[in-house]
C-alpha atoms as a PDB file:
ATOM      1  CA  ALA A   1      27.926  -8.350   1.236  1.00  0.00           C
ATOM      2  CA  GLN A   2      24.422  -9.179   2.600  1.00  0.00           C
ATOM      3  CA  SER A   3      23.024  -5.852   1.018  1.00  0.00           C
ATOM      4  CA  LEU A   4      24.493  -6.642  -2.421  1.00  0.00           C
ATOM      5  CA  TYR A   5      23.089 -10.244  -2.261  1.00  0.00           C
ATOM      6  CA  ALA A   6      19.590  -8.728  -1.347  1.00  0.00           C
ATOM      7  CA  GLU A   7      19.977  -6.059  -4.087  1.00  0.00           C
ATOM      8  CA  ASP A   8      20.709  -8.801  -6.731  1.00  0.00           C
ATOM      9  CA  LYS A   9      17.778 -10.755  -5.578  1.00  0.00           C
ATOM     10  CA  LEU A  10      15.491  -7.925  -5.910  1.00  0.00           C
ATOM     11  CA  GLN A  11      16.302  -7.610  -9.534  1.00  0.00           C
ATOM     12  CA  ASP A  12      15.529 -11.366 -10.100  1.00  0.00           C
ATOM     13  CA  PRO A  13      11.757 -11.716 -11.160  1.00  0.00           C
ATOM     14  CA  ALA A  14      11.830 -15.527 -10.810  1.00  0.00           C
ATOM     15  CA  PHE A  15      13.209 -15.179  -7.254  1.00  0.00           C
ATOM     16  CA  ILE A  16      10.701 -12.596  -6.111  1.00  0.00           C
ATOM     17  CA  ASN A  17       7.822 -14.474  -7.976  1.00  0.00           C
ATOM     18  CA  TYR A  18       8.778 -17.669  -5.866  1.00  0.00           C
ATOM     19  CA  GLN A  19       8.857 -15.954  -2.576  1.00  0.00           C
ATOM     20  CA  LEU A  20       5.534 -14.054  -3.238  1.00  0.00           C
ATOM     21  CA  GLN A  21       3.976 -17.529  -4.141  1.00  0.00           C
ATOM     22  CA  CYS A  22       5.202 -18.746  -0.825  1.00  0.00           C
ATOM     23  CA  LEU A  23       4.020 -15.755   1.077  1.00  0.00           C
ATOM     24  CA  LEU A  24       0.484 -15.988  -0.392  1.00  0.00           C
ATOM     25  CA  ASP A  25       0.325 -19.827   0.244  1.00  0.00           C
ATOM     26  CA  ARG A  26       0.325 -20.576  -3.428  1.00  0.00           C
ATOM     27  CA  GLY A  27       3.739 -22.301  -3.722  1.00  0.00           C
ATOM     28  CA  GLU A  28       6.499 -23.871  -1.731  1.00  0.00           C
ATOM     29  CA  CYS A  29       8.671 -22.035   0.515  1.00  0.00           C
ATOM     30  CA  ASP A  30      12.498 -22.101   0.912  1.00  0.00           C
ATOM     31  CA  ASP A  31      14.405 -20.841   3.995  1.00  0.00           C
ATOM     32  CA  ILE A  32      14.063 -17.310   2.996  1.00  0.00           C
ATOM     33  CA  GLY A  33      10.238 -17.515   2.334  1.00  0.00           C
ATOM     34  CA  ASN A  34       9.771 -19.214   5.648  1.00  0.00           C
ATOM     35  CA  LEU A  35      11.620 -16.467   7.413  1.00  0.00           C
ATOM     36  CA  VAL A  36       9.855 -13.661   5.606  1.00  0.00           C
ATOM     37  CA  LYS A  37       6.442 -15.433   6.365  1.00  0.00           C
ATOM     38  CA  ARG A  38       7.357 -15.414  10.120  1.00  0.00           C
ATOM     39  CA  MET A  39       8.315 -11.706   9.967  1.00  0.00           C
ATOM     40  CA  ALA A  40       5.553 -10.416   7.678  1.00  0.00           C
ATOM     41  CA  PRO A  41       3.058  -9.351  10.385  1.00  0.00           C
ATOM     42  CA  ASP A  42       5.732  -7.236  12.050  1.00  0.00           C
ATOM     43  CA  ILE A  43       6.894  -5.681   8.660  1.00  0.00           C
ATOM     44  CA  ILE A  44       3.254  -5.078   7.429  1.00  0.00           C
ATOM     45  CA  ARG A  45       2.762  -3.092  10.829  1.00  0.00           C
ATOM     46  CA  GLY A  46       5.844  -1.086   9.890  1.00  0.00           C
ATOM     47  CA  GLY A  47       8.143  -2.824  12.415  1.00  0.00           C
ATOM     48  CA  CYS A  48      11.543  -4.210  12.146  1.00  0.00           C
ATOM     49  CA  PRO A  49      11.723  -7.656  13.736  1.00  0.00           C
ATOM     50  CA  PRO A  50      14.361  -8.224  16.114  1.00  0.00           C
ATOM     51  CA  PRO A  51      17.397  -8.115  15.996  1.00  0.00           C
ATOM     52  CA  CYS A  52      16.853  -4.813  14.085  1.00  0.00           C
ATOM     53  CA  ASP A  53      19.409  -2.488  13.008  1.00  0.00           C
ATOM     54  CA  PRO A  54      19.529   0.429  10.632  1.00  0.00           C
ATOM     55  CA  CYS A  55      20.849  -1.820   7.864  1.00  0.00           C
ATOM     56  CA  LYS A  56      18.043  -4.260   8.247  1.00  0.00           C
ATOM     57  CA  LYS A  57      15.435  -1.651   8.472  1.00  0.00           C
ATOM     58  CA  LYS A  58      16.784  -0.096   5.190  1.00  0.00           C
ATOM     59  CA  GLN A  59      16.699  -3.463   3.401  1.00  0.00           C
ATOM     60  CA  ILE A  60      13.047  -4.040   4.620  1.00  0.00           C
ATOM     61  CA  GLN A  61      11.975  -0.615   3.275  1.00  0.00           C
ATOM     62  CA  LYS A  62      13.714  -1.179   0.000  1.00  0.00           C
ATOM     63  CA  VAL A  63      11.947  -4.625  -0.469  1.00  0.00           C
ATOM     64  CA  MET A  64       8.556  -3.123   0.469  1.00  0.00           C
ATOM     65  CA  ALA A  65       9.036  -0.275  -1.994  1.00  0.00           C
ATOM     66  CA  THR A  66      10.003  -2.733  -4.804  1.00  0.00           C
ATOM     67  CA  LEU A  67       7.223  -5.125  -4.181  1.00  0.00           C
ATOM     68  CA  SER A  68       4.582  -2.279  -4.172  1.00  0.00           C
ATOM     69  CA  THR A  69       5.934  -0.664  -7.507  1.00  0.00           C
ATOM     70  CA  LYS A  70       6.881  -3.802  -9.492  1.00  0.00           C
ATOM     71  CA  TYR A  71       4.411  -6.212  -8.093  1.00  0.00           C
ATOM     72  CA  PRO A  72       1.435  -4.249  -6.976  1.00  0.00           C
ATOM     73  CA  LYS A  73      -1.281  -6.894  -7.364  1.00  0.00           C
ATOM     74  CA  GLN A  74       0.690  -9.420  -5.246  1.00  0.00           C
ATOM     75  CA  PHE A  75       1.728  -6.630  -2.926  1.00  0.00           C
ATOM     76  CA  ARG A  76      -1.947  -5.648  -2.245  1.00  0.00           C
ATOM     77  CA  ILE A  77      -2.935  -9.338  -1.663  1.00  0.00           C
ATOM     78  CA  MET A  78       0.025  -9.676   0.665  1.00  0.00           C
ATOM     79  CA  LEU A  79      -1.102  -6.540   2.628  1.00  0.00           C
ATOM     80  CA  GLN A  80      -4.667  -7.888   2.829  1.00  0.00           C
ATOM     81  CA  LYS A  81      -3.657 -11.239   4.136  1.00  0.00           C
ATOM     82  CA  PHE A  82      -1.106 -10.147   6.756  1.00  0.00           C
ATOM     83  CA  GLY A  83      -3.221  -7.038   7.517  1.00  0.00           C
ATOM     84  CA  ASN A  84      -5.862  -9.416   8.628  1.00  0.00           C
ATOM     85  CA  LEU A  85      -3.605 -10.918  10.929  1.00  0.00           C
ATOM     86  CA  VAL A  86      -2.717  -7.597  12.321  1.00  0.00           C
ATOM     87  CA  LYS A  87      -6.345  -6.987  12.897  1.00  0.00           C
ATOM     88  CA  ARG A  88      -6.758 -10.154  14.868  1.00  0.00           C
ATOM     89  CA  MET A  89      -3.826  -9.163  17.117  1.00  0.00           C
ATOM     90  CA  ALA A  90      -5.275  -5.627  17.595  1.00  0.00           C
ATOM     91  CA  PRO A  91      -7.458  -6.352  20.593  1.00  0.00           C
ATOM     92  CA  ASP A  92      -4.457  -7.572  22.499  1.00  0.00           C
ATOM     93  CA  ILE A  93      -2.551  -4.541  21.351  1.00  0.00           C
ATOM     94  CA  ILE A  94      -5.190  -2.081  22.404  1.00  0.00           C
ATOM     95  CA  ARG A  95      -5.531  -3.785  25.830  1.00  0.00           C
ATOM     96  CA  GLY A  96      -1.919  -2.872  26.292  1.00  0.00           C
ATOM     97  CA  GLY A  97      -0.684  -6.467  25.693  1.00  0.00           C
ATOM     98  CA  CYS A  98       1.903  -7.931  23.332  1.00  0.00           C
ATOM     99  CA  PRO A  99       0.701 -10.743  21.025  1.00  0.00           C
ATOM    100  CA  PRO A 100       2.827 -13.883  21.482  1.00  0.00           C
ATOM    101  CA  PRO A 101       5.563 -14.501  20.875  1.00  0.00           C
ATOM    102  CA  CYS A 102       6.369 -11.413  22.703  1.00  0.00           C
ATOM    103  CA  ASP A 103       9.857 -10.046  23.567  1.00  0.00           C
ATOM    104  CA  PRO A 104      10.810  -6.556  25.217  1.00  0.00           C
ATOM    105  CA  CYS A 105      11.863  -5.326  21.591  1.00  0.00           C
ATOM    106  CA  LYS A 106       8.547  -6.280  20.124  1.00  0.00           C
ATOM    107  CA  LYS A 107       6.680  -4.669  22.968  1.00  0.00           C
ATOM    108  CA  LYS A 108       8.548  -1.536  22.561  1.00  0.00           C
ATOM    109  CA  GLN A 109       7.937  -1.476  18.815  1.00  0.00           C
ATOM    110  CA  ILE A 110       4.232  -1.814  19.534  1.00  0.00           C
ATOM    111  CA  GLN A 111       4.382   1.048  21.977  1.00  0.00           C
ATOM    112  CA  LYS A 112       6.223   3.178  19.546  1.00  0.00           C
ATOM    113  CA  VAL A 113       3.686   2.537  16.879  1.00  0.00           C
ATOM    114  CA  MET A 114       0.664   3.279  19.263  1.00  0.00           C
ATOM    115  CA  ALA A 115       2.441   6.551  20.286  1.00  0.00           C
ATOM    116  CA  THR A 116       3.108   7.624  16.616  1.00  0.00           C
ATOM    117  CA  LEU A 117      -0.482   6.739  15.777  1.00  0.00           C
ATOM    118  CA  SER A 118      -1.890   8.756  18.587  1.00  0.00           C
ATOM    119  CA  THR A 119       0.111  11.856  17.830  1.00  0.00           C
ATOM    120  CA  LYS A 120       0.286  11.879  13.865  1.00  0.00           C
ATOM    121  CA  TYR A 121      -3.417  10.570  13.370  1.00  0.00           C
ATOM    122  CA  PRO A 122      -5.324  11.252  16.491  1.00  0.00           C
ATOM    123  CA  LYS A 123      -8.755  11.126  14.862  1.00  0.00           C
ATOM    124  CA  GLN A 124      -8.116   7.743  13.194  1.00  0.00           C
ATOM    125  CA  PHE A 125      -6.480   6.612  16.575  1.00  0.00           C
ATOM    126  CA  ARG A 126      -9.573   7.504  18.471  1.00  0.00           C
ATOM    127  CA  ILE A 127     -11.765   5.625  16.021  1.00  0.00           C
ATOM    128  CA  MET A 128      -9.306   2.654  16.068  1.00  0.00           C
ATOM    129  CA  LEU A 129      -9.611   2.617  19.920  1.00  0.00           C
ATOM    130  CA  GLN A 130     -13.227   2.874  19.816  1.00  0.00           C
ATOM    131  CA  LYS A 131     -13.666  -0.015  17.454  1.00  0.00           C
ATOM    132  CA  PHE A 132     -11.257  -2.457  19.033  1.00  0.00           C
ATOM    133  CA  GLY A 133     -12.001  -1.113  22.522  1.00  0.00           C
ATOM    134  CA  ASN A 134     -15.645  -2.370  22.068  1.00  0.00           C
ATOM    135  CA  LEU A 135     -14.490  -5.667  20.924  1.00  0.00           C
ATOM    136  CA  VAL A 136     -12.109  -5.873  23.873  1.00  0.00           C
ATOM    137  CA  LYS A 137     -15.172  -5.118  26.175  1.00  0.00           C
ATOM    138  CA  ARG A 138     -17.183  -7.766  24.390  1.00  0.00           C
ATOM    139  CA  MET A 139     -14.517 -10.331  25.017  1.00  0.00           C
ATOM    140  CA  ALA A 140     -13.953  -9.556  28.604  1.00  0.00           C
ATOM    141  CA  PRO A 141     -15.102 -12.119  31.076  1.00  0.00           C
END
């Protein structure tokens, strides 16, 4: 039933625009907008916020695909906004940490993303480590 509700909402331009305005800090937020705002950094990183199951993961992927194709301008702005947040968290992640609020599931997701990046994109991964590793060194006491 939850999936059908989400499917129906994805087809409602007024609902999507309301949520996008919330996410981009251009309008009010309802409970759904506030929830999505809290989950956005994990989702933009490619994660599935806990508690995650295959159904929730599939819904997130469907929402991201719909937003990227039907609302490309707002989608790019959203990626930029929350991508910058991810960049601010990168030094913690590179140090092997888990930005707060951290739980075992989030830490495992971070480790999985790092392992995937290192094996599928080794050159870019080395560049990222070098870039943020230098930042971590400068921040060290």
